Every structure is written in structure tokens, then in C-alpha cells.
Amino acid sequence: MKYRQYLSLKYEKKCRNILRFALVGATGALLNLSIIYTLTNYIHIWYMISALVAIESSILWNFYLNTKVTFNYRFQNRSELFAAIFRYHLLSFTSTIINLAALLAFTEFFKIYFMFSEILAIMLAFGINYFISARYVWSEKKNI
């Protein structure tokens, strides 16, 4: 196979993975928004606590779907699976902090309804999530 064809296939695969990652992320965002809305409006939990529960739920949801759908990855054993879940949580910490800080800032300082604030916060965290996921969780070389 020529080098140019190899690069073209690699680029196509990366684009497909980004699209799949975005679709999985969209389902995680819907789950996140459903949970934060339900916990805040019906159970009357403060929106920041609701956001923590919603984010954790979407992290687990996204990990599962990205493993199966985006990266078609198969873990060799349970310890490798748990290590990957730990890495994903550890690396998702940055995007979680960005999400929570943005949610608080948009809601409290800019007086945006918390649901719209959470949508904006999710969009801010997306790019970071893809980069860390593709590089450190589902890559062939585990750097952590």
C-alpha cells in the first residue's frame, strides 16, 4: 500500500471515530440533561449537585458506548477494563471541572437558565474529552 493511501485511510478512520464519538457524546449529553433536569426540577436538588450526578452517569454511559461503538475496543480482562475506566475518570476530571465551572459561571454570573448553561458547558468540554479519550484510554499505547 502506498504511503498516500495509508494516510488517506488513517484520516478516514479518524474522521469516522470523531463522528462516532460526537454521536455517543450527544446521547451522553441527552442523558446528562435529562438527569440534571429531573433531579433539579422534580427532586429539588441544587443544580450543581444534580450536575455532578448527571456528569458521572454520562461518563459511564459514554465510556461503555465509546468502547463498543467508537473504538470497537475489546479489553483483555477485567483488570484492564477497570484500569481503563479509572483512566477515563481521571482524564475526564479536567472536562468535568470545565463543565462545572462553566455551568456555575453561565448560571450565576450571566443569569442563564441552568439547562442552557449546561448545554454550553457540555459543548466546551467536548473537544477535551475526545482528545484525552483517543490518546489515553482507547489507544494502542497506554501512556498513563
N, C-alpha and C. Protein backbone atom coordinates (compact mmCIF):
# COMPACT_ATOMS: atom_id res chain seq x y z
N MET A 1 0.85 -1.18 0.00
CA MET A 1 0.00 0.00 0.00
C MET A 1 0.89 1.24 0.00
N LYS A 2 0.55 2.17 -0.82
CA LYS A 2 1.32 3.40 -0.91
C LYS A 2 1.10 4.24 0.35
N TYR A 3 2.11 5.04 0.64
CA TYR A 3 2.06 5.89 1.83
C TYR A 3 0.88 6.85 1.79
N ARG A 4 0.59 7.40 0.61
CA ARG A 4 -0.52 8.34 0.47
C ARG A 4 -1.86 7.65 0.76
N GLN A 5 -2.02 6.42 0.27
CA GLN A 5 -3.25 5.65 0.54
C GLN A 5 -3.37 5.36 2.03
N TYR A 6 -2.24 5.01 2.65
CA TYR A 6 -2.23 4.74 4.09
C TYR A 6 -2.69 5.97 4.87
N LEU A 7 -2.16 7.12 4.53
CA LEU A 7 -2.55 8.36 5.20
C LEU A 7 -4.04 8.66 4.98
N SER A 8 -4.52 8.41 3.77
CA SER A 8 -5.93 8.64 3.46
C SER A 8 -6.82 7.73 4.30
N LEU A 9 -6.48 6.46 4.41
CA LEU A 9 -7.26 5.53 5.23
C LEU A 9 -7.22 5.91 6.71
N LYS A 10 -6.04 6.31 7.16
CA LYS A 10 -5.89 6.72 8.56
C LYS A 10 -6.74 7.96 8.85
N TYR A 11 -6.75 8.92 7.91
CA TYR A 11 -7.55 10.13 8.05
C TYR A 11 -9.04 9.80 8.07
N GLU A 12 -9.48 8.91 7.17
CA GLU A 12 -10.89 8.50 7.12
C GLU A 12 -11.30 7.84 8.43
N LYS A 13 -10.45 6.98 8.96
CA LYS A 13 -10.76 6.30 10.22
C LYS A 13 -10.88 7.31 11.36
N LYS A 14 -9.97 8.29 11.38
CA LYS A 14 -10.01 9.31 12.43
C LYS A 14 -11.30 10.13 12.32
N CYS A 15 -11.70 10.49 11.10
CA CYS A 15 -12.94 11.24 10.90
C CYS A 15 -14.16 10.42 11.34
N ARG A 16 -14.18 9.14 11.00
CA ARG A 16 -15.28 8.27 11.45
C ARG A 16 -15.32 8.19 12.96
N ASN A 17 -14.15 8.06 13.58
CA ASN A 17 -14.12 7.99 15.04
C ASN A 17 -14.60 9.28 15.69
N ILE A 18 -14.23 10.42 15.11
CA ILE A 18 -14.69 11.70 15.66
C ILE A 18 -16.21 11.80 15.54
N LEU A 19 -16.75 11.39 14.39
CA LEU A 19 -18.19 11.42 14.21
C LEU A 19 -18.89 10.48 15.19
N ARG A 20 -18.39 9.27 15.32
CA ARG A 20 -18.98 8.32 16.29
C ARG A 20 -18.87 8.85 17.71
N PHE A 21 -17.71 9.41 18.04
CA PHE A 21 -17.51 9.98 19.37
C PHE A 21 -18.52 11.09 19.63
N ALA A 22 -18.75 11.93 18.62
CA ALA A 22 -19.72 13.02 18.75
C ALA A 22 -21.14 12.47 18.93
N LEU A 23 -21.49 11.42 18.19
CA LEU A 23 -22.83 10.82 18.33
C LEU A 23 -23.01 10.19 19.71
N VAL A 24 -21.99 9.47 20.16
CA VAL A 24 -22.05 8.91 21.51
C VAL A 24 -22.15 10.04 22.53
N GLY A 25 -21.34 11.08 22.32
CA GLY A 25 -21.38 12.23 23.22
C GLY A 25 -22.75 12.89 23.24
N ALA A 26 -23.42 12.92 22.08
CA ALA A 26 -24.76 13.50 22.02
C ALA A 26 -25.74 12.68 22.87
N THR A 27 -25.63 11.35 22.81
CA THR A 27 -26.52 10.53 23.65
C THR A 27 -26.18 10.74 25.12
N GLY A 28 -24.88 10.87 25.42
CA GLY A 28 -24.48 11.16 26.81
C GLY A 28 -24.97 12.52 27.26
N ALA A 29 -24.95 13.49 26.36
CA ALA A 29 -25.46 14.83 26.69
C ALA A 29 -26.95 14.79 26.97
N LEU A 30 -27.69 14.02 26.18
CA LEU A 30 -29.14 13.89 26.43
C LEU A 30 -29.39 13.23 27.78
N LEU A 31 -28.61 12.20 28.10
CA LEU A 31 -28.73 11.55 29.40
C LEU A 31 -28.40 12.56 30.51
N ASN A 32 -27.31 13.28 30.34
CA ASN A 32 -26.89 14.30 31.30
C ASN A 32 -28.00 15.32 31.53
N LEU A 33 -28.52 15.87 30.44
CA LEU A 33 -29.56 16.90 30.55
C LEU A 33 -30.84 16.36 31.18
N SER A 34 -31.19 15.13 30.86
CA SER A 34 -32.39 14.51 31.46
C SER A 34 -32.23 14.35 32.97
N ILE A 35 -31.05 13.91 33.38
CA ILE A 35 -30.81 13.69 34.81
C ILE A 35 -30.77 15.02 35.56
N ILE A 36 -30.03 16.00 35.06
CA ILE A 36 -29.94 17.28 35.76
C ILE A 36 -31.32 17.95 35.86
N TYR A 37 -32.09 17.86 34.79
CA TYR A 37 -33.42 18.45 34.79
C TYR A 37 -34.33 17.76 35.82
N THR A 38 -34.32 16.44 35.80
CA THR A 38 -35.18 15.67 36.71
C THR A 38 -34.79 15.90 38.17
N LEU A 39 -33.50 15.79 38.46
CA LEU A 39 -33.05 15.95 39.85
C LEU A 39 -33.29 17.37 40.36
N THR A 40 -33.09 18.36 39.50
CA THR A 40 -33.24 19.75 39.94
C THR A 40 -34.71 20.16 40.03
N ASN A 41 -35.50 19.86 39.03
CA ASN A 41 -36.88 20.35 38.97
C ASN A 41 -37.89 19.49 39.71
N TYR A 42 -37.65 18.19 39.80
CA TYR A 42 -38.64 17.31 40.44
C TYR A 42 -38.22 16.82 41.81
N ILE A 43 -36.93 16.63 42.02
CA ILE A 43 -36.46 16.16 43.32
C ILE A 43 -35.90 17.32 44.14
N HIS A 44 -35.75 18.47 43.50
CA HIS A 44 -35.34 19.73 44.14
C HIS A 44 -33.94 19.67 44.75
N ILE A 45 -33.04 19.07 43.99
CA ILE A 45 -31.63 19.06 44.37
C ILE A 45 -30.97 20.26 43.68
N TRP A 46 -30.05 20.92 44.37
CA TRP A 46 -29.34 22.07 43.81
C TRP A 46 -28.72 21.66 42.47
N TYR A 47 -28.80 22.52 41.47
CA TYR A 47 -28.38 22.16 40.11
C TYR A 47 -26.92 21.74 40.02
N MET A 48 -26.06 22.22 40.88
CA MET A 48 -24.65 21.83 40.84
C MET A 48 -24.47 20.37 41.31
N ILE A 49 -25.21 19.97 42.32
CA ILE A 49 -25.17 18.57 42.78
C ILE A 49 -25.81 17.68 41.71
N SER A 50 -26.91 18.13 41.15
CA SER A 50 -27.55 17.38 40.06
C SER A 50 -26.58 17.21 38.90
N ALA A 51 -25.81 18.24 38.61
CA ALA A 51 -24.84 18.18 37.51
C ALA A 51 -23.77 17.14 37.78
N LEU A 52 -23.31 17.04 39.02
CA LEU A 52 -22.31 16.02 39.36
C LEU A 52 -22.84 14.62 39.10
N VAL A 53 -24.06 14.35 39.53
CA VAL A 53 -24.68 13.04 39.29
C VAL A 53 -24.86 12.81 37.80
N ALA A 54 -25.32 13.82 37.10
CA ALA A 54 -25.55 13.71 35.66
C ALA A 54 -24.24 13.49 34.90
N ILE A 55 -23.21 14.20 35.28
CA ILE A 55 -21.91 14.05 34.62
C ILE A 55 -21.36 12.65 34.84
N GLU A 56 -21.42 12.17 36.08
CA GLU A 56 -20.92 10.81 36.36
C GLU A 56 -21.69 9.76 35.55
N SER A 57 -22.99 9.92 35.48
CA SER A 57 -23.81 8.99 34.69
C SER A 57 -23.41 9.02 33.22
N SER A 58 -23.22 10.20 32.70
CA SER A 58 -22.85 10.31 31.28
C SER A 58 -21.42 9.82 31.03
N ILE A 59 -20.53 9.98 32.01
CA ILE A 59 -19.17 9.45 31.87
C ILE A 59 -19.21 7.94 31.71
N LEU A 60 -19.96 7.26 32.57
CA LEU A 60 -20.06 5.80 32.48
C LEU A 60 -20.74 5.37 31.19
N TRP A 61 -21.81 6.06 30.82
CA TRP A 61 -22.53 5.78 29.57
C TRP A 61 -21.61 5.95 28.36
N ASN A 62 -20.90 7.08 28.32
CA ASN A 62 -20.02 7.36 27.20
C ASN A 62 -18.85 6.37 27.14
N PHE A 63 -18.32 5.99 28.30
CA PHE A 63 -17.23 5.01 28.31
C PHE A 63 -17.70 3.71 27.67
N TYR A 64 -18.85 3.24 28.08
CA TYR A 64 -19.37 1.99 27.54
C TYR A 64 -19.58 2.09 26.02
N LEU A 65 -20.30 3.12 25.59
CA LEU A 65 -20.59 3.23 24.16
C LEU A 65 -19.35 3.52 23.31
N ASN A 66 -18.45 4.33 23.81
CA ASN A 66 -17.22 4.58 23.06
C ASN A 66 -16.37 3.32 22.93
N THR A 67 -16.34 2.52 23.97
CA THR A 67 -15.61 1.27 23.90
C THR A 67 -16.19 0.38 22.82
N LYS A 68 -17.51 0.27 22.77
CA LYS A 68 -18.17 -0.63 21.82
C LYS A 68 -18.33 -0.02 20.43
N VAL A 69 -18.77 1.22 20.34
CA VAL A 69 -19.18 1.81 19.07
C VAL A 69 -18.05 2.61 18.40
N THR A 70 -17.45 3.51 19.13
CA THR A 70 -16.47 4.42 18.53
C THR A 70 -15.16 3.71 18.21
N PHE A 71 -14.60 3.05 19.21
CA PHE A 71 -13.26 2.48 19.06
C PHE A 71 -13.27 0.97 18.85
N ASN A 72 -14.45 0.33 18.97
CA ASN A 72 -14.58 -1.11 18.79
C ASN A 72 -13.46 -1.84 19.54
N TYR A 73 -13.34 -1.48 20.80
CA TYR A 73 -12.22 -1.95 21.61
C TYR A 73 -12.68 -3.11 22.48
N ARG A 74 -11.82 -4.08 22.62
CA ARG A 74 -12.12 -5.23 23.48
C ARG A 74 -11.01 -5.36 24.51
N PHE A 75 -11.39 -5.25 25.77
CA PHE A 75 -10.42 -5.39 26.84
C PHE A 75 -10.09 -6.86 27.06
N GLN A 76 -8.83 -7.12 27.39
CA GLN A 76 -8.37 -8.50 27.54
C GLN A 76 -8.92 -9.17 28.79
N ASN A 77 -9.10 -8.38 29.84
CA ASN A 77 -9.60 -8.94 31.11
C ASN A 77 -10.21 -7.83 31.95
N ARG A 78 -10.74 -8.21 33.09
CA ARG A 78 -11.40 -7.21 33.95
C ARG A 78 -10.44 -6.18 34.51
N SER A 79 -9.24 -6.58 34.83
CA SER A 79 -8.31 -5.60 35.39
C SER A 79 -7.96 -4.53 34.35
N GLU A 80 -7.84 -4.92 33.07
CA GLU A 80 -7.61 -3.93 32.01
C GLU A 80 -8.83 -3.02 31.86
N LEU A 81 -10.02 -3.59 31.96
CA LEU A 81 -11.26 -2.81 31.88
C LEU A 81 -11.32 -1.79 33.01
N PHE A 82 -11.08 -2.25 34.25
CA PHE A 82 -11.15 -1.34 35.39
C PHE A 82 -10.05 -0.28 35.33
N ALA A 83 -8.88 -0.65 34.82
CA ALA A 83 -7.81 0.33 34.66
C ALA A 83 -8.23 1.39 33.64
N ALA A 84 -8.89 0.97 32.55
CA ALA A 84 -9.35 1.93 31.54
C ALA A 84 -10.45 2.84 32.10
N ILE A 85 -11.37 2.27 32.87
CA ILE A 85 -12.41 3.09 33.50
C ILE A 85 -11.77 4.12 34.43
N PHE A 86 -10.78 3.68 35.20
CA PHE A 86 -10.07 4.60 36.10
C PHE A 86 -9.39 5.71 35.30
N ARG A 87 -8.67 5.33 34.21
CA ARG A 87 -8.01 6.34 33.37
C ARG A 87 -9.02 7.31 32.79
N TYR A 88 -10.15 6.78 32.31
CA TYR A 88 -11.18 7.63 31.71
C TYR A 88 -11.72 8.62 32.74
N HIS A 89 -11.96 8.15 33.96
CA HIS A 89 -12.43 9.06 35.01
C HIS A 89 -11.35 10.09 35.37
N LEU A 90 -10.14 9.62 35.49
CA LEU A 90 -9.05 10.53 35.83
C LEU A 90 -8.89 11.61 34.76
N LEU A 91 -8.93 11.21 33.51
CA LEU A 91 -8.77 12.17 32.43
C LEU A 91 -10.03 12.99 32.19
N SER A 92 -11.19 12.46 32.55
CA SER A 92 -12.44 13.22 32.43
C SER A 92 -12.55 14.28 33.51
N PHE A 93 -11.69 14.19 34.52
CA PHE A 93 -11.71 15.16 35.61
C PHE A 93 -11.56 16.58 35.08
N THR A 94 -10.67 16.78 34.13
CA THR A 94 -10.45 18.12 33.56
C THR A 94 -11.72 18.65 32.91
N SER A 95 -12.35 17.82 32.07
CA SER A 95 -13.56 18.29 31.40
C SER A 95 -14.71 18.44 32.39
N THR A 96 -14.71 17.64 33.45
CA THR A 96 -15.74 17.79 34.49
C THR A 96 -15.59 19.14 35.19
N ILE A 97 -14.37 19.50 35.52
CA ILE A 97 -14.12 20.80 36.16
C ILE A 97 -14.52 21.94 35.22
N ILE A 98 -14.16 21.81 33.94
CA ILE A 98 -14.54 22.83 32.95
C ILE A 98 -16.06 22.92 32.86
N ASN A 99 -16.73 21.77 32.81
CA ASN A 99 -18.19 21.73 32.73
C ASN A 99 -18.81 22.41 33.94
N LEU A 100 -18.38 22.03 35.14
CA LEU A 100 -18.98 22.60 36.36
C LEU A 100 -18.69 24.10 36.49
N ALA A 101 -17.47 24.50 36.17
CA ALA A 101 -17.12 25.93 36.25
C ALA A 101 -17.93 26.74 35.25
N ALA A 102 -18.07 26.22 34.04
CA ALA A 102 -18.86 26.92 33.03
C ALA A 102 -20.33 26.97 33.43
N LEU A 103 -20.86 25.87 33.93
CA LEU A 103 -22.25 25.83 34.38
C LEU A 103 -22.49 26.88 35.45
N LEU A 104 -21.64 26.92 36.44
CA LEU A 104 -21.78 27.89 37.52
C LEU A 104 -21.65 29.33 37.00
N ALA A 105 -20.65 29.57 36.16
CA ALA A 105 -20.44 30.93 35.64
C ALA A 105 -21.60 31.39 34.78
N PHE A 106 -22.04 30.55 33.85
CA PHE A 106 -23.15 30.94 32.98
C PHE A 106 -24.43 31.16 33.78
N THR A 107 -24.66 30.31 34.76
CA THR A 107 -25.91 30.40 35.53
C THR A 107 -25.89 31.55 36.53
N GLU A 108 -24.82 31.66 37.30
CA GLU A 108 -24.77 32.65 38.38
C GLU A 108 -24.35 34.04 37.90
N PHE A 109 -23.38 34.11 37.04
CA PHE A 109 -22.85 35.42 36.65
C PHE A 109 -23.55 36.01 35.42
N PHE A 110 -23.92 35.14 34.48
CA PHE A 110 -24.58 35.62 33.28
C PHE A 110 -26.09 35.44 33.33
N LYS A 111 -26.57 34.84 34.42
CA LYS A 111 -28.01 34.65 34.68
C LYS A 111 -28.71 33.89 33.56
N ILE A 112 -28.03 32.87 33.04
CA ILE A 112 -28.61 31.99 32.02
C ILE A 112 -29.27 30.82 32.74
N TYR A 113 -30.43 30.42 32.28
CA TYR A 113 -31.15 29.27 32.84
C TYR A 113 -30.20 28.07 32.88
N PHE A 114 -30.19 27.33 34.01
CA PHE A 114 -29.19 26.29 34.21
C PHE A 114 -29.16 25.23 33.11
N MET A 115 -30.30 24.93 32.49
CA MET A 115 -30.31 23.93 31.42
C MET A 115 -29.55 24.43 30.18
N PHE A 116 -29.73 25.69 29.83
CA PHE A 116 -28.98 26.27 28.71
C PHE A 116 -27.49 26.38 29.07
N SER A 117 -27.22 26.72 30.33
CA SER A 117 -25.83 26.78 30.80
C SER A 117 -25.16 25.42 30.67
N GLU A 118 -25.88 24.37 31.01
CA GLU A 118 -25.31 23.02 30.92
C GLU A 118 -25.05 22.63 29.47
N ILE A 119 -25.91 23.01 28.56
CA ILE A 119 -25.68 22.74 27.14
C ILE A 119 -24.38 23.41 26.68
N LEU A 120 -24.20 24.66 27.05
CA LEU A 120 -22.97 25.38 26.70
C LEU A 120 -21.75 24.72 27.34
N ALA A 121 -21.89 24.32 28.59
CA ALA A 121 -20.79 23.67 29.30
C ALA A 121 -20.40 22.35 28.65
N ILE A 122 -21.38 21.58 28.22
CA ILE A 122 -21.11 20.30 27.54
C ILE A 122 -20.34 20.55 26.25
N MET A 123 -20.73 21.57 25.51
CA MET A 123 -20.06 21.88 24.24
C MET A 123 -18.60 22.27 24.49
N LEU A 124 -18.35 23.02 25.56
CA LEU A 124 -16.97 23.40 25.88
C LEU A 124 -16.10 22.19 26.20
N ALA A 125 -16.67 21.22 26.87
CA ALA A 125 -15.90 20.06 27.33
C ALA A 125 -15.70 19.00 26.24
N PHE A 126 -16.45 19.06 25.15
CA PHE A 126 -16.40 18.01 24.13
C PHE A 126 -15.00 17.79 23.55
N GLY A 127 -14.36 18.85 23.11
CA GLY A 127 -13.05 18.72 22.46
C GLY A 127 -12.01 18.10 23.37
N ILE A 128 -12.02 18.51 24.60
CA ILE A 128 -11.07 17.95 25.57
C ILE A 128 -11.35 16.46 25.75
N ASN A 129 -12.61 16.10 25.85
CA ASN A 129 -12.98 14.69 26.02
C ASN A 129 -12.47 13.82 24.87
N TYR A 130 -12.65 14.29 23.64
CA TYR A 130 -12.20 13.46 22.51
C TYR A 130 -10.69 13.27 22.55
N PHE A 131 -9.97 14.36 22.74
CA PHE A 131 -8.51 14.28 22.73
C PHE A 131 -8.01 13.30 23.79
N ILE A 132 -8.45 13.45 25.02
CA ILE A 132 -7.94 12.58 26.08
C ILE A 132 -8.40 11.14 25.89
N SER A 133 -9.60 10.95 25.38
CA SER A 133 -10.11 9.59 25.19
C SER A 133 -9.33 8.85 24.12
N ALA A 134 -9.16 9.49 22.97
CA ALA A 134 -8.47 8.84 21.86
C ALA A 134 -6.99 8.62 22.19
N ARG A 135 -6.42 9.52 22.93
CA ARG A 135 -4.98 9.45 23.21
C ARG A 135 -4.63 8.53 24.37
N TYR A 136 -5.42 8.52 25.42
CA TYR A 136 -5.02 7.84 26.65
C TYR A 136 -5.88 6.66 27.07
N VAL A 137 -7.09 6.55 26.60
CA VAL A 137 -7.97 5.48 27.09
C VAL A 137 -8.03 4.32 26.11
N TRP A 138 -8.32 4.61 24.84
CA TRP A 138 -8.52 3.55 23.85
C TRP A 138 -7.36 3.44 22.86
N SER A 139 -6.24 4.05 23.15
CA SER A 139 -5.12 3.98 22.22
C SER A 139 -4.38 2.65 22.38
N GLU A 140 -3.59 2.33 21.40
CA GLU A 140 -2.78 1.12 21.47
C GLU A 140 -1.71 1.24 22.54
N LYS A 141 -1.14 2.45 22.68
CA LYS A 141 -0.13 2.69 23.70
C LYS A 141 -0.80 3.40 24.87
N LYS A 142 -0.74 2.80 26.02
CA LYS A 142 -1.28 3.41 27.23
C LYS A 142 -0.18 4.26 27.85
N ASN A 143 -0.40 5.57 27.88
CA ASN A 143 0.62 6.48 28.36
C ASN A 143 0.49 6.82 29.83
N ILE A 144 -0.52 6.32 30.47
CA ILE A 144 -0.69 6.63 31.89
C ILE A 144 -0.51 5.36 32.68
